[in-house]
């Protein structure tokens, strides 16, 4: 009897911003931006966050602006 393989169906990730039709990511929205920053304060990459490349660029820019305006910390203690 051959060993049975279990296949899991992988669903394609849908960009959160594309699904909600968000074209501009506001740097003043700290609650939204905190979802894309782990404890250490780094910006999550696309493959982990599941955001498309266009929105990843906008997201990165918004996070950097929020850090510069002291809305988000550069580092966490």
C-alpha atoms as a PDB file:
ATOM      1  CA  UNK A   1       0.000   0.000   0.000  1.00  0.00           C
ATOM      2  CA  UNK A   2       1.538   3.301  -1.097  1.00  0.00           C
ATOM      3  CA  UNK A   3       1.726   6.180   1.312  1.00  0.00           C
ATOM      4  CA  UNK A   4      -0.972   8.710   0.675  1.00  0.00           C
ATOM      5  CA  UNK A   5       0.042  12.283   0.170  1.00  0.00           C
ATOM      6  CA  UNK A   6      -1.997  15.010   1.633  1.00  0.00           C
ATOM      7  CA  UNK A   7      -2.336  18.044  -0.539  1.00  0.00           C
ATOM      8  CA  UNK A   8      -3.445  21.297   0.930  1.00  0.00           C
ATOM      9  CA  UNK A   9      -5.002  23.777  -1.397  1.00  0.00           C
ATOM     10  CA  UNK A  10      -3.228  27.104  -1.218  1.00  0.00           C
ATOM     11  CA  UNK A  11      -5.419  30.102  -1.771  1.00  0.00           C
ATOM     12  CA  UNK A  12      -3.885  33.066  -3.517  1.00  0.00           C
ATOM     13  CA  UNK A  13      -3.483  35.991  -1.154  1.00  0.00           C
ATOM     14  CA  UNK A  14      -5.499  39.020  -2.029  1.00  0.00           C
ATOM     15  CA  UNK A  15      -4.051  42.421  -1.280  1.00  0.00           C
ATOM     16  CA  UNK A  16      -5.949  44.011   1.611  1.00  0.00           C
ATOM     17  CA  UNK A  17      -5.781  47.446   0.020  1.00  0.00           C
ATOM     18  CA  UNK A  18      -6.864  46.242  -3.437  1.00  0.00           C
ATOM     19  CA  UNK A  19      -9.830  44.392  -1.938  1.00  0.00           C
ATOM     20  CA  UNK A  20     -10.995  47.522  -0.112  1.00  0.00           C
ATOM     21  CA  UNK A  21     -10.105  49.738  -3.120  1.00  0.00           C
ATOM     22  CA  UNK A  22      -7.766  51.967  -1.119  1.00  0.00           C
ATOM     23  CA  UNK A  23      -5.574  54.064  -3.413  1.00  0.00           C
ATOM     24  CA  UNK A  24      -3.835  56.232  -0.788  1.00  0.00           C
ATOM     25  CA  UNK A  25      -2.344  54.984   2.475  1.00  0.00           C
ATOM     26  CA  UNK A  26      -2.408  57.780   5.039  1.00  0.00           C
ATOM     27  CA  UNK A  27       0.716  58.071   7.199  1.00  0.00           C
ATOM     28  CA  UNK A  28      -1.363  59.521  10.063  1.00  0.00           C
ATOM     29  CA  UNK A  29      -3.325  56.272  10.450  1.00  0.00           C
ATOM     30  CA  UNK A  30      -1.070  54.636  13.052  1.00  0.00           C
ATOM     31  CA  UNK A  31      -3.518  51.824  13.794  1.00  0.00           C
ATOM     32  CA  UNK A  32      -3.394  50.620  10.174  1.00  0.00           C
ATOM     33  CA  UNK A  33       0.377  50.966   9.866  1.00  0.00           C
ATOM     34  CA  UNK A  34       1.041  49.069  13.113  1.00  0.00           C
ATOM     35  CA  UNK A  35      -0.373  45.922  11.481  1.00  0.00           C
ATOM     36  CA  UNK A  36       2.620  45.914   9.116  1.00  0.00           C
ATOM     37  CA  UNK A  37       5.318  46.456  11.732  1.00  0.00           C
ATOM     38  CA  UNK A  38       6.312  43.639  14.123  1.00  0.00           C
ATOM     39  CA  UNK A  39       7.680  44.122  17.651  1.00  0.00           C
ATOM     40  CA  UNK A  40      11.189  44.894  16.472  1.00  0.00           C
ATOM     41  CA  UNK A  41       9.982  47.784  14.327  1.00  0.00           C
ATOM     42  CA  UNK A  42      10.936  46.496  10.887  1.00  0.00           C
ATOM     43  CA  UNK A  43       8.623  46.803   7.891  1.00  0.00           C
ATOM     44  CA  UNK A  44       7.140  43.454   6.906  1.00  0.00           C
ATOM     45  CA  UNK A  45       8.045  42.252   3.400  1.00  0.00           C
ATOM     46  CA  UNK A  46       5.439  41.616   0.716  1.00  0.00           C
ATOM     47  CA  UNK A  47       5.583  37.839   0.925  1.00  0.00           C
ATOM     48  CA  UNK A  48       4.631  37.931   4.606  1.00  0.00           C
ATOM     49  CA  UNK A  49       2.192  40.846   4.641  1.00  0.00           C
ATOM     50  CA  UNK A  50       0.364  39.700   1.495  1.00  0.00           C
ATOM     51  CA  UNK A  51       0.225  43.171  -0.041  1.00  0.00           C
ATOM     52  CA  UNK A  52       0.718  43.792  -3.777  1.00  0.00           C
ATOM     53  CA  UNK A  53       3.871  45.565  -4.969  1.00  0.00           C
ATOM     54  CA  UNK A  54       2.149  48.874  -5.672  1.00  0.00           C
ATOM     55  CA  UNK A  55       0.619  49.078  -2.221  1.00  0.00           C
ATOM     56  CA  UNK A  56       3.804  47.784  -0.576  1.00  0.00           C
ATOM     57  CA  UNK A  57       5.665  50.796  -1.967  1.00  0.00           C
ATOM     58  CA  UNK A  58       2.954  53.152  -0.725  1.00  0.00           C
ATOM     59  CA  UNK A  59       2.906  51.381   2.639  1.00  0.00           C
ATOM     60  CA  UNK A  60       6.685  51.645   3.053  1.00  0.00           C
ATOM     61  CA  UNK A  61       6.599  55.343   2.220  1.00  0.00           C
ATOM     62  CA  UNK A  62       3.744  55.945   4.675  1.00  0.00           C
ATOM     63  CA  UNK A  63       5.574  54.088   7.476  1.00  0.00           C
ATOM     64  CA  UNK A  64       8.750  56.090   6.861  1.00  0.00           C
ATOM     65  CA  UNK A  65       6.809  59.351   6.892  1.00  0.00           C
ATOM     66  CA  UNK A  66       5.027  58.369  10.104  1.00  0.00           C
ATOM     67  CA  UNK A  67       8.373  57.584  11.717  1.00  0.00           C
ATOM     68  CA  UNK A  68       9.779  60.923  10.622  1.00  0.00           C
ATOM     69  CA  UNK A  69       6.758  62.743  12.068  1.00  0.00           C
ATOM     70  CA  UNK A  70       7.128  60.743  15.341  1.00  0.00           C
ATOM     71  CA  UNK A  71       3.800  58.967  14.925  1.00  0.00           C
ATOM     72  CA  UNK A  72       5.555  55.583  14.871  1.00  0.00           C
ATOM     73  CA  UNK A  73       8.814  54.689  16.635  1.00  0.00           C
ATOM     74  CA  UNK A  74      11.966  53.838  14.689  1.00  0.00           C
ATOM     75  CA  UNK A  75      12.899  51.177  17.229  1.00  0.00           C
ATOM     76  CA  UNK A  76      11.059  49.454  20.023  1.00  0.00           C
ATOM     77  CA  UNK A  77      12.756  48.934  23.351  1.00  0.00           C
END
